[in-house]
mmCIF file of all heavy atoms, coordinates in Angstrom:
data_MODEL
# 
_entry.id   MODEL 
# 
loop_
_atom_site.group_PDB 
_atom_site.id 
_atom_site.type_symbol 
_atom_site.label_atom_id 
_atom_site.label_alt_id 
_atom_site.label_comp_id 
_atom_site.label_asym_id 
_atom_site.label_entity_id 
_atom_site.label_seq_id 
_atom_site.pdbx_PDB_ins_code 
_atom_site.Cartn_x 
_atom_site.Cartn_y 
_atom_site.Cartn_z 
_atom_site.occupancy 
_atom_site.B_iso_or_equiv 
_atom_site.pdbx_formal_charge 
_atom_site.auth_seq_id 
_atom_site.auth_comp_id 
_atom_site.auth_asym_id 
_atom_site.auth_atom_id 
_atom_site.pdbx_PDB_model_num 
ATOM 1   N N   . ILE A 1 1  ? -57.512 -115.443 136.660 1.00 0.00 ? 1  ILE A N   1 
ATOM 2   C CA  . ILE A 1 1  ? -56.745 -114.232 136.864 1.00 0.00 ? 1  ILE A CA  1 
ATOM 3   C C   . ILE A 1 1  ? -55.325 -114.579 137.323 1.00 0.00 ? 1  ILE A C   1 
ATOM 4   O O   . ILE A 1 1  ? -54.346 -114.007 136.841 1.00 0.00 ? 1  ILE A O   1 
ATOM 5   C CB  . ILE A 1 1  ? -57.437 -113.288 137.870 1.00 0.00 ? 1  ILE A CB  1 
ATOM 6   C CG1 . ILE A 1 1  ? -58.727 -112.751 137.269 1.00 0.00 ? 1  ILE A CG1 1 
ATOM 7   C CG2 . ILE A 1 1  ? -56.528 -112.153 138.352 1.00 0.00 ? 1  ILE A CG2 1 
ATOM 8   C CD1 . ILE A 1 1  ? -59.654 -112.053 138.264 1.00 0.00 ? 1  ILE A CD1 1 
ATOM 9   N N   . LEU A 1 2  ? -55.216 -115.508 138.230 1.00 0.00 ? 2  LEU A N   1 
ATOM 10  C CA  . LEU A 1 2  ? -53.877 -115.935 138.716 1.00 0.00 ? 2  LEU A CA  1 
ATOM 11  C C   . LEU A 1 2  ? -53.089 -116.563 137.590 1.00 0.00 ? 2  LEU A C   1 
ATOM 12  O O   . LEU A 1 2  ? -51.869 -116.359 137.486 1.00 0.00 ? 2  LEU A O   1 
ATOM 13  C CB  . LEU A 1 2  ? -54.010 -116.894 139.885 1.00 0.00 ? 2  LEU A CB  1 
ATOM 14  C CG  . LEU A 1 2  ? -54.462 -116.286 141.181 1.00 0.00 ? 2  LEU A CG  1 
ATOM 15  C CD1 . LEU A 1 2  ? -54.715 -117.359 142.247 1.00 0.00 ? 2  LEU A CD1 1 
ATOM 16  C CD2 . LEU A 1 2  ? -53.443 -115.274 141.688 1.00 0.00 ? 2  LEU A CD2 1 
ATOM 17  N N   . ARG A 1 3  ? -53.723 -117.344 136.751 1.00 0.00 ? 3  ARG A N   1 
ATOM 18  C CA  . ARG A 1 3  ? -53.030 -117.975 135.632 1.00 0.00 ? 3  ARG A CA  1 
ATOM 19  C C   . ARG A 1 3  ? -52.456 -116.964 134.677 1.00 0.00 ? 3  ARG A C   1 
ATOM 20  O O   . ARG A 1 3  ? -51.361 -117.091 134.172 1.00 0.00 ? 3  ARG A O   1 
ATOM 21  C CB  . ARG A 1 3  ? -54.007 -118.917 134.911 1.00 0.00 ? 3  ARG A CB  1 
ATOM 22  C CG  . ARG A 1 3  ? -53.398 -119.666 133.777 1.00 0.00 ? 3  ARG A CG  1 
ATOM 23  C CD  . ARG A 1 3  ? -52.481 -120.744 134.265 1.00 0.00 ? 3  ARG A CD  1 
ATOM 24  N NE  . ARG A 1 3  ? -52.114 -121.574 133.131 1.00 0.00 ? 3  ARG A NE  1 
ATOM 25  C CZ  . ARG A 1 3  ? -51.012 -122.206 133.005 1.00 0.00 ? 3  ARG A CZ  1 
ATOM 26  N NH1 . ARG A 1 3  ? -50.124 -122.192 133.972 1.00 0.00 ? 3  ARG A NH1 1 
ATOM 27  N NH2 . ARG A 1 3  ? -50.736 -122.917 131.921 1.00 0.00 ? 3  ARG A NH2 1 
ATOM 28  N N   . SER A 1 4  ? -53.203 -115.861 134.468 1.00 0.00 ? 4  SER A N   1 
ATOM 29  C CA  . SER A 1 4  ? -52.674 -114.821 133.569 1.00 0.00 ? 4  SER A CA  1 
ATOM 30  C C   . SER A 1 4  ? -51.557 -114.013 134.259 1.00 0.00 ? 4  SER A C   1 
ATOM 31  O O   . SER A 1 4  ? -50.649 -113.539 133.582 1.00 0.00 ? 4  SER A O   1 
ATOM 32  C CB  . SER A 1 4  ? -53.780 -113.892 133.110 1.00 0.00 ? 4  SER A CB  1 
ATOM 33  O OG  . SER A 1 4  ? -54.300 -113.128 134.148 1.00 0.00 ? 4  SER A OG  1 
ATOM 34  N N   . ALA A 1 5  ? -51.612 -113.905 135.564 1.00 0.00 ? 5  ALA A N   1 
ATOM 35  C CA  . ALA A 1 5  ? -50.567 -113.166 136.317 1.00 0.00 ? 5  ALA A CA  1 
ATOM 36  C C   . ALA A 1 5  ? -49.325 -114.013 136.502 1.00 0.00 ? 5  ALA A C   1 
ATOM 37  O O   . ALA A 1 5  ? -48.202 -113.478 136.575 1.00 0.00 ? 5  ALA A O   1 
ATOM 38  C CB  . ALA A 1 5  ? -51.083 -112.700 137.660 1.00 0.00 ? 5  ALA A CB  1 
ATOM 39  N N   . PHE A 1 6  ? -49.489 -115.326 136.573 1.00 0.00 ? 6  PHE A N   1 
ATOM 40  C CA  . PHE A 1 6  ? -48.368 -116.269 136.785 1.00 0.00 ? 6  PHE A CA  1 
ATOM 41  C C   . PHE A 1 6  ? -48.389 -117.355 135.768 1.00 0.00 ? 6  PHE A C   1 
ATOM 42  O O   . PHE A 1 6  ? -48.695 -118.523 136.045 1.00 0.00 ? 6  PHE A O   1 
ATOM 43  C CB  . PHE A 1 6  ? -48.431 -116.853 138.217 1.00 0.00 ? 6  PHE A CB  1 
ATOM 44  C CG  . PHE A 1 6  ? -48.426 -115.844 139.331 1.00 0.00 ? 6  PHE A CG  1 
ATOM 45  C CD1 . PHE A 1 6  ? -49.609 -115.462 139.912 1.00 0.00 ? 6  PHE A CD1 1 
ATOM 46  C CD2 . PHE A 1 6  ? -47.239 -115.243 139.734 1.00 0.00 ? 6  PHE A CD2 1 
ATOM 47  C CE1 . PHE A 1 6  ? -49.611 -114.524 140.931 1.00 0.00 ? 6  PHE A CE1 1 
ATOM 48  C CE2 . PHE A 1 6  ? -47.227 -114.289 140.733 1.00 0.00 ? 6  PHE A CE2 1 
ATOM 49  C CZ  . PHE A 1 6  ? -48.423 -113.933 141.342 1.00 0.00 ? 6  PHE A CZ  1 
ATOM 50  N N   . PRO A 1 7  ? -48.108 -117.049 134.502 1.00 0.00 ? 7  PRO A N   1 
ATOM 51  C CA  . PRO A 1 7  ? -48.236 -118.065 133.424 1.00 0.00 ? 7  PRO A CA  1 
ATOM 52  C C   . PRO A 1 7  ? -47.268 -119.238 133.582 1.00 0.00 ? 7  PRO A C   1 
ATOM 53  O O   . PRO A 1 7  ? -47.474 -120.289 132.981 1.00 0.00 ? 7  PRO A O   1 
ATOM 54  C CB  . PRO A 1 7  ? -47.929 -117.243 132.158 1.00 0.00 ? 7  PRO A CB  1 
ATOM 55  C CG  . PRO A 1 7  ? -47.165 -116.074 132.589 1.00 0.00 ? 7  PRO A CG  1 
ATOM 56  C CD  . PRO A 1 7  ? -47.654 -115.766 134.016 1.00 0.00 ? 7  PRO A CD  1 
ATOM 57  N N   . GLU A 1 8  ? -46.214 -119.054 134.357 1.00 0.00 ? 8  GLU A N   1 
ATOM 58  C CA  . GLU A 1 8  ? -45.232 -120.154 134.527 1.00 0.00 ? 8  GLU A CA  1 
ATOM 59  C C   . GLU A 1 8  ? -45.721 -121.215 135.514 1.00 0.00 ? 8  GLU A C   1 
ATOM 60  O O   . GLU A 1 8  ? -45.146 -122.286 135.621 1.00 0.00 ? 8  GLU A O   1 
ATOM 61  C CB  . GLU A 1 8  ? -43.881 -119.576 134.986 1.00 0.00 ? 8  GLU A CB  1 
ATOM 62  C CG  . GLU A 1 8  ? -43.868 -119.067 136.410 1.00 0.00 ? 8  GLU A CG  1 
ATOM 63  C CD  . GLU A 1 8  ? -44.509 -117.683 136.592 1.00 0.00 ? 8  GLU A CD  1 
ATOM 64  O OE1 . GLU A 1 8  ? -44.896 -117.054 135.635 1.00 0.00 ? 8  GLU A OE1 1 
ATOM 65  O OE2 . GLU A 1 8  ? -44.609 -117.229 137.742 1.00 0.00 ? 8  GLU A OE2 1 
ATOM 66  N N   . GLU A 1 9  ? -46.803 -120.943 136.290 1.00 0.00 ? 9  GLU A N   1 
ATOM 67  C CA  . GLU A 1 9  ? -47.294 -121.882 137.259 1.00 0.00 ? 9  GLU A CA  1 
ATOM 68  C C   . GLU A 1 9  ? -48.324 -122.792 136.632 1.00 0.00 ? 9  GLU A C   1 
ATOM 69  O O   . GLU A 1 9  ? -49.129 -122.384 135.783 1.00 0.00 ? 9  GLU A O   1 
ATOM 70  C CB  . GLU A 1 9  ? -47.931 -121.165 138.470 1.00 0.00 ? 9  GLU A CB  1 
ATOM 71  C CG  . GLU A 1 9  ? -46.885 -120.432 139.279 1.00 0.00 ? 9  GLU A CG  1 
ATOM 72  C CD  . GLU A 1 9  ? -47.449 -119.827 140.550 1.00 0.00 ? 9  GLU A CD  1 
ATOM 73  O OE1 . GLU A 1 9  ? -48.603 -120.047 140.889 1.00 0.00 ? 9  GLU A OE1 1 
ATOM 74  O OE2 . GLU A 1 9  ? -46.668 -119.185 141.274 1.00 0.00 ? 9  GLU A OE2 1 
ATOM 75  N N   . ASN A 1 10 ? -48.312 -124.072 137.045 1.00 0.00 ? 10 ASN A N   1 
ATOM 76  C CA  . ASN A 1 10 ? -49.290 -125.038 136.527 1.00 0.00 ? 10 ASN A CA  1 
ATOM 77  C C   . ASN A 1 10 ? -50.562 -124.979 137.373 1.00 0.00 ? 10 ASN A C   1 
ATOM 78  O O   . ASN A 1 10 ? -50.654 -124.247 138.338 1.00 0.00 ? 10 ASN A O   1 
ATOM 79  C CB  . ASN A 1 10 ? -48.681 -126.444 136.459 1.00 0.00 ? 10 ASN A CB  1 
ATOM 80  C CG  . ASN A 1 10 ? -48.317 -127.004 137.822 1.00 0.00 ? 10 ASN A CG  1 
ATOM 81  O OD1 . ASN A 1 10 ? -48.962 -126.763 138.826 1.00 0.00 ? 10 ASN A OD1 1 
ATOM 82  N ND2 . ASN A 1 10 ? -47.233 -127.766 137.839 1.00 0.00 ? 10 ASN A ND2 1 
ATOM 83  N N   . SER A 1 11 ? -51.544 -125.762 136.989 1.00 0.00 ? 11 SER A N   1 
ATOM 84  C CA  . SER A 1 11 ? -52.845 -125.686 137.649 1.00 0.00 ? 11 SER A CA  1 
ATOM 85  C C   . SER A 1 11 ? -52.756 -126.105 139.091 1.00 0.00 ? 11 SER A C   1 
ATOM 86  O O   . SER A 1 11 ? -53.466 -125.512 139.969 1.00 0.00 ? 11 SER A O   1 
ATOM 87  C CB  . SER A 1 11 ? -53.884 -126.585 136.925 1.00 0.00 ? 11 SER A CB  1 
ATOM 88  O OG  . SER A 1 11 ? -53.447 -127.901 136.912 1.00 0.00 ? 11 SER A OG  1 
ATOM 89  N N   . ARG A 1 12 ? -51.943 -127.075 139.478 1.00 0.00 ? 12 ARG A N   1 
ATOM 90  C CA  . ARG A 1 12 ? -51.815 -127.450 140.851 1.00 0.00 ? 12 ARG A CA  1 
ATOM 91  C C   . ARG A 1 12 ? -51.174 -126.306 141.683 1.00 0.00 ? 12 ARG A C   1 
ATOM 92  O O   . ARG A 1 12 ? -51.598 -126.071 142.807 1.00 0.00 ? 12 ARG A O   1 
ATOM 93  C CB  . ARG A 1 12 ? -50.921 -128.706 140.962 1.00 0.00 ? 12 ARG A CB  1 
ATOM 94  C CG  . ARG A 1 12 ? -50.803 -129.232 142.374 1.00 0.00 ? 12 ARG A CG  1 
ATOM 95  C CD  . ARG A 1 12 ? -50.109 -130.523 142.459 1.00 0.00 ? 12 ARG A CD  1 
ATOM 96  N NE  . ARG A 1 12 ? -51.051 -131.562 142.035 1.00 0.00 ? 12 ARG A NE  1 
ATOM 97  C CZ  . ARG A 1 12 ? -50.694 -132.796 141.716 1.00 0.00 ? 12 ARG A CZ  1 
ATOM 98  N NH1 . ARG A 1 12 ? -49.446 -133.134 141.729 1.00 0.00 ? 12 ARG A NH1 1 
ATOM 99  N NH2 . ARG A 1 12 ? -51.602 -133.643 141.341 1.00 0.00 ? 12 ARG A NH2 1 
ATOM 100 N N   . GLN A 1 13 ? -50.205 -125.609 141.115 1.00 0.00 ? 13 GLN A N   1 
ATOM 101 C CA  . GLN A 1 13 ? -49.582 -124.503 141.843 1.00 0.00 ? 13 GLN A CA  1 
ATOM 102 C C   . GLN A 1 13 ? -50.570 -123.339 141.995 1.00 0.00 ? 13 GLN A C   1 
ATOM 103 O O   . GLN A 1 13 ? -50.603 -122.699 143.068 1.00 0.00 ? 13 GLN A O   1 
ATOM 104 C CB  . GLN A 1 13 ? -48.347 -124.040 141.056 1.00 0.00 ? 13 GLN A CB  1 
ATOM 105 C CG  . GLN A 1 13 ? -47.220 -125.030 141.114 1.00 0.00 ? 13 GLN A CG  1 
ATOM 106 C CD  . GLN A 1 13 ? -46.089 -124.660 140.139 1.00 0.00 ? 13 GLN A CD  1 
ATOM 107 O OE1 . GLN A 1 13 ? -46.319 -124.370 138.968 1.00 0.00 ? 13 GLN A OE1 1 
ATOM 108 N NE2 . GLN A 1 13 ? -44.862 -124.718 140.651 1.00 0.00 ? 13 GLN A NE2 1 
ATOM 109 N N   . ILE A 1 14 ? -51.396 -123.112 141.027 1.00 0.00 ? 14 ILE A N   1 
ATOM 110 C CA  . ILE A 1 14 ? -52.418 -122.041 141.110 1.00 0.00 ? 14 ILE A CA  1 
ATOM 111 C C   . ILE A 1 14 ? -53.417 -122.439 142.229 1.00 0.00 ? 14 ILE A C   1 
ATOM 112 O O   . ILE A 1 14 ? -53.793 -121.595 143.058 1.00 0.00 ? 14 ILE A O   1 
ATOM 113 C CB  . ILE A 1 14 ? -53.151 -121.814 139.748 1.00 0.00 ? 14 ILE A CB  1 
ATOM 114 C CG1 . ILE A 1 14 ? -52.199 -121.301 138.715 1.00 0.00 ? 14 ILE A CG1 1 
ATOM 115 C CG2 . ILE A 1 14 ? -54.369 -120.942 139.923 1.00 0.00 ? 14 ILE A CG2 1 
ATOM 116 C CD1 . ILE A 1 14 ? -51.663 -119.905 138.956 1.00 0.00 ? 14 ILE A CD1 1 
ATOM 117 N N   . ALA A 1 15 ? -53.854 -123.666 142.253 1.00 0.00 ? 15 ALA A N   1 
ATOM 118 C CA  . ALA A 1 15 ? -54.789 -124.135 143.305 1.00 0.00 ? 15 ALA A CA  1 
ATOM 119 C C   . ALA A 1 15 ? -54.181 -123.951 144.676 1.00 0.00 ? 15 ALA A C   1 
ATOM 120 O O   . ALA A 1 15 ? -54.843 -123.519 145.641 1.00 0.00 ? 15 ALA A O   1 
ATOM 121 C CB  . ALA A 1 15 ? -55.195 -125.581 143.057 1.00 0.00 ? 15 ALA A CB  1 
ATOM 122 N N   . GLU A 1 16 ? -52.918 -124.338 144.847 1.00 0.00 ? 16 GLU A N   1 
ATOM 123 C CA  . GLU A 1 16 ? -52.260 -124.196 146.135 1.00 0.00 ? 16 GLU A CA  1 
ATOM 124 C C   . GLU A 1 16 ? -52.119 -122.714 146.536 1.00 0.00 ? 16 GLU A C   1 
ATOM 125 O O   . GLU A 1 16 ? -52.284 -122.372 147.674 1.00 0.00 ? 16 GLU A O   1 
ATOM 126 C CB  . GLU A 1 16 ? -50.895 -124.882 146.120 1.00 0.00 ? 16 GLU A CB  1 
ATOM 127 C CG  . GLU A 1 16 ? -50.961 -126.394 146.203 1.00 0.00 ? 16 GLU A CG  1 
ATOM 128 C CD  . GLU A 1 16 ? -51.728 -126.898 147.412 1.00 0.00 ? 16 GLU A CD  1 
ATOM 129 O OE1 . GLU A 1 16 ? -51.436 -126.462 148.551 1.00 0.00 ? 16 GLU A OE1 1 
ATOM 130 O OE2 . GLU A 1 16 ? -52.601 -127.757 147.273 1.00 0.00 ? 16 GLU A OE2 1 
ATOM 131 N N   . ARG A 1 17 ? -51.794 -121.879 145.543 1.00 0.00 ? 17 ARG A N   1 
ATOM 132 C CA  . ARG A 1 17 ? -51.704 -120.442 145.804 1.00 0.00 ? 17 ARG A CA  1 
ATOM 133 C C   . ARG A 1 17 ? -53.025 -119.938 146.359 1.00 0.00 ? 17 ARG A C   1 
ATOM 134 O O   . ARG A 1 17 ? -53.074 -119.161 147.292 1.00 0.00 ? 17 ARG A O   1 
ATOM 135 C CB  . ARG A 1 17 ? -51.293 -119.709 144.539 1.00 0.00 ? 17 ARG A CB  1 
ATOM 136 C CG  . ARG A 1 17 ? -51.146 -118.200 144.724 1.00 0.00 ? 17 ARG A CG  1 
ATOM 137 C CD  . ARG A 1 17 ? -50.766 -117.539 143.423 1.00 0.00 ? 17 ARG A CD  1 
ATOM 138 N NE  . ARG A 1 17 ? -49.380 -117.760 143.086 1.00 0.00 ? 17 ARG A NE  1 
ATOM 139 C CZ  . ARG A 1 17 ? -48.353 -117.006 143.527 1.00 0.00 ? 17 ARG A CZ  1 
ATOM 140 N NH1 . ARG A 1 17 ? -48.605 -115.984 144.320 1.00 0.00 ? 17 ARG A NH1 1 
ATOM 141 N NH2 . ARG A 1 17 ? -47.125 -117.274 143.169 1.00 0.00 ? 17 ARG A NH2 1 
ATOM 142 N N   . LEU A 1 18 ? -54.119 -120.349 145.747 1.00 0.00 ? 18 LEU A N   1 
ATOM 143 C CA  . LEU A 1 18 ? -55.427 -119.928 146.214 1.00 0.00 ? 18 LEU A CA  1 
ATOM 144 C C   . LEU A 1 18 ? -55.717 -120.444 147.632 1.00 0.00 ? 18 LEU A C   1 
ATOM 145 O O   . LEU A 1 18 ? -56.194 -119.708 148.462 1.00 0.00 ? 18 LEU A O   1 
ATOM 146 C CB  . LEU A 1 18 ? -56.551 -120.457 145.289 1.00 0.00 ? 18 LEU A CB  1 
ATOM 147 C CG  . LEU A 1 18 ? -56.762 -119.671 144.024 1.00 0.00 ? 18 LEU A CG  1 
ATOM 148 C CD1 . LEU A 1 18 ? -57.712 -120.405 143.079 1.00 0.00 ? 18 LEU A CD1 1 
ATOM 149 C CD2 . LEU A 1 18 ? -57.364 -118.311 144.349 1.00 0.00 ? 18 LEU A CD2 1 
ATOM 150 N N   . LYS A 1 19 ? -55.349 -121.681 147.920 1.00 0.00 ? 19 LYS A N   1 
ATOM 151 C CA  . LYS A 1 19 ? -55.615 -122.266 149.246 1.00 0.00 ? 19 LYS A CA  1 
ATOM 152 C C   . LYS A 1 19 ? -54.820 -121.559 150.354 1.00 0.00 ? 19 LYS A C   1 
ATOM 153 O O   . LYS A 1 19 ? -55.368 -121.243 151.393 1.00 0.00 ? 19 LYS A O   1 
ATOM 154 C CB  . LYS A 1 19 ? -55.250 -123.752 149.248 1.00 0.00 ? 19 LYS A CB  1 
ATOM 155 C CG  . LYS A 1 19 ? -56.256 -124.606 148.517 1.00 0.00 ? 19 LYS A CG  1 
ATOM 156 C CD  . LYS A 1 19 ? -55.800 -126.073 148.607 1.00 0.00 ? 19 LYS A CD  1 
ATOM 157 C CE  . LYS A 1 19 ? -56.611 -126.959 147.732 1.00 0.00 ? 19 LYS A CE  1 
ATOM 158 N NZ  . LYS A 1 19 ? -56.128 -128.357 147.770 1.00 0.00 ? 19 LYS A NZ  1 
ATOM 159 N N   . VAL A 1 20 ? -53.531 -121.392 150.108 1.00 0.00 ? 20 VAL A N   1 
ATOM 160 C CA  . VAL A 1 20 ? -52.680 -120.869 151.213 1.00 0.00 ? 20 VAL A CA  1 
ATOM 161 C C   . VAL A 1 20 ? -52.846 -119.360 151.440 1.00 0.00 ? 20 VAL A C   1 
ATOM 162 O O   . VAL A 1 20 ? -52.393 -118.855 152.445 1.00 0.00 ? 20 VAL A O   1 
ATOM 163 C CB  . VAL A 1 20 ? -51.196 -121.238 151.004 1.00 0.00 ? 20 VAL A CB  1 
ATOM 164 C CG1 . VAL A 1 20 ? -50.962 -122.696 150.972 1.00 0.00 ? 20 VAL A CG1 1 
ATOM 165 C CG2 . VAL A 1 20 ? -50.596 -120.591 149.805 1.00 0.00 ? 20 VAL A CG2 1 
ATOM 166 N N   . THR A 1 21 ? -53.506 -118.652 150.510 1.00 0.00 ? 21 THR A N   1 
ATOM 167 C CA  . THR A 1 21 ? -53.700 -117.225 150.699 1.00 0.00 ? 21 THR A CA  1 
ATOM 168 C C   . THR A 1 21 ? -55.130 -116.911 151.156 1.00 0.00 ? 21 THR A C   1 
ATOM 169 O O   . THR A 1 21 ? -55.495 -115.767 151.259 1.00 0.00 ? 21 THR A O   1 
ATOM 170 C CB  . THR A 1 21 ? -53.371 -116.443 149.427 1.00 0.00 ? 21 THR A CB  1 
ATOM 171 O OG1 . THR A 1 21 ? -54.165 -116.907 148.356 1.00 0.00 ? 21 THR A OG1 1 
ATOM 172 C CG2 . THR A 1 21 ? -51.877 -116.535 149.115 1.00 0.00 ? 21 THR A CG2 1 
ATOM 173 N N   . CYS A 1 22 ? -55.927 -117.947 151.424 1.00 0.00 ? 22 CYS A N   1 
ATOM 174 C CA  . CYS A 1 22 ? -57.298 -117.708 151.922 1.00 0.00 ? 22 CYS A CA  1 
ATOM 175 C C   . CYS A 1 22 ? -57.271 -117.047 153.297 1.00 0.00 ? 22 CYS A C   1 
ATOM 176 O O   . CYS A 1 22 ? -56.348 -117.276 154.073 1.00 0.00 ? 22 CYS A O   1 
ATOM 177 C CB  . CYS A 1 22 ? -58.056 -119.038 151.997 1.00 0.00 ? 22 CYS A CB  1 
ATOM 178 S SG  . CYS A 1 22 ? -58.669 -119.594 150.471 1.00 0.00 ? 22 CYS A SG  1 
ATOM 179 N N   . ASP A 1 23 ? -58.287 -116.265 153.559 1.00 0.00 ? 23 ASP A N   1 
ATOM 180 C CA  . ASP A 1 23 ? -58.487 -115.703 154.893 1.00 0.00 ? 23 ASP A CA  1 
ATOM 181 C C   . ASP A 1 23 ? -59.210 -116.738 155.747 1.00 0.00 ? 23 ASP A C   1 
ATOM 182 O O   . ASP A 1 23 ? -60.241 -117.249 155.350 1.00 0.00 ? 23 ASP A O   1 
ATOM 183 C CB  . ASP A 1 23 ? -59.365 -114.420 154.858 1.00 0.00 ? 23 ASP A CB  1 
ATOM 184 C CG  . ASP A 1 23 ? -58.676 -113.324 154.095 1.00 0.00 ? 23 ASP A CG  1 
ATOM 185 O OD1 . ASP A 1 23 ? -57.430 -113.246 154.128 1.00 0.00 ? 23 ASP A OD1 1 
ATOM 186 O OD2 . ASP A 1 23 ? -59.386 -112.480 153.482 1.00 0.00 ? 23 ASP A OD2 1 
ATOM 187 N N   . LYS A 1 24 ? -58.622 -117.093 156.881 1.00 0.00 ? 24 LYS A N   1 
ATOM 188 C CA  . LYS A 1 24 ? -59.261 -118.103 157.757 1.00 0.00 ? 24 LYS A CA  1 
ATOM 189 C C   . LYS A 1 24 ? -60.526 -117.483 158.362 1.00 0.00 ? 24 LYS A C   1 
ATOM 190 O O   . LYS A 1 24 ? -60.508 -116.415 158.914 1.00 0.00 ? 24 LYS A O   1 
ATOM 191 C CB  . LYS A 1 24 ? -58.296 -118.527 158.853 1.00 0.00 ? 24 LYS A CB  1 
ATOM 192 C CG  . LYS A 1 24 ? -56.985 -119.110 158.339 1.00 0.00 ? 24 LYS A CG  1 
ATOM 193 C CD  . LYS A 1 24 ? -57.204 -120.333 157.468 1.00 0.00 ? 24 LYS A CD  1 
ATOM 194 C CE  . LYS A 1 24 ? -55.923 -120.880 156.921 1.00 0.00 ? 24 LYS A CE  1 
ATOM 195 N NZ  . LYS A 1 24 ? -56.083 -121.640 155.720 1.00 0.00 ? 24 LYS A NZ  1 
# 
């Protein structure tokens, strides 16, 4: 879903986006 919303980001950037937006 993130890849379709942010097609300019690579897989590493998508993974980091997922990590830093997690709820602790």
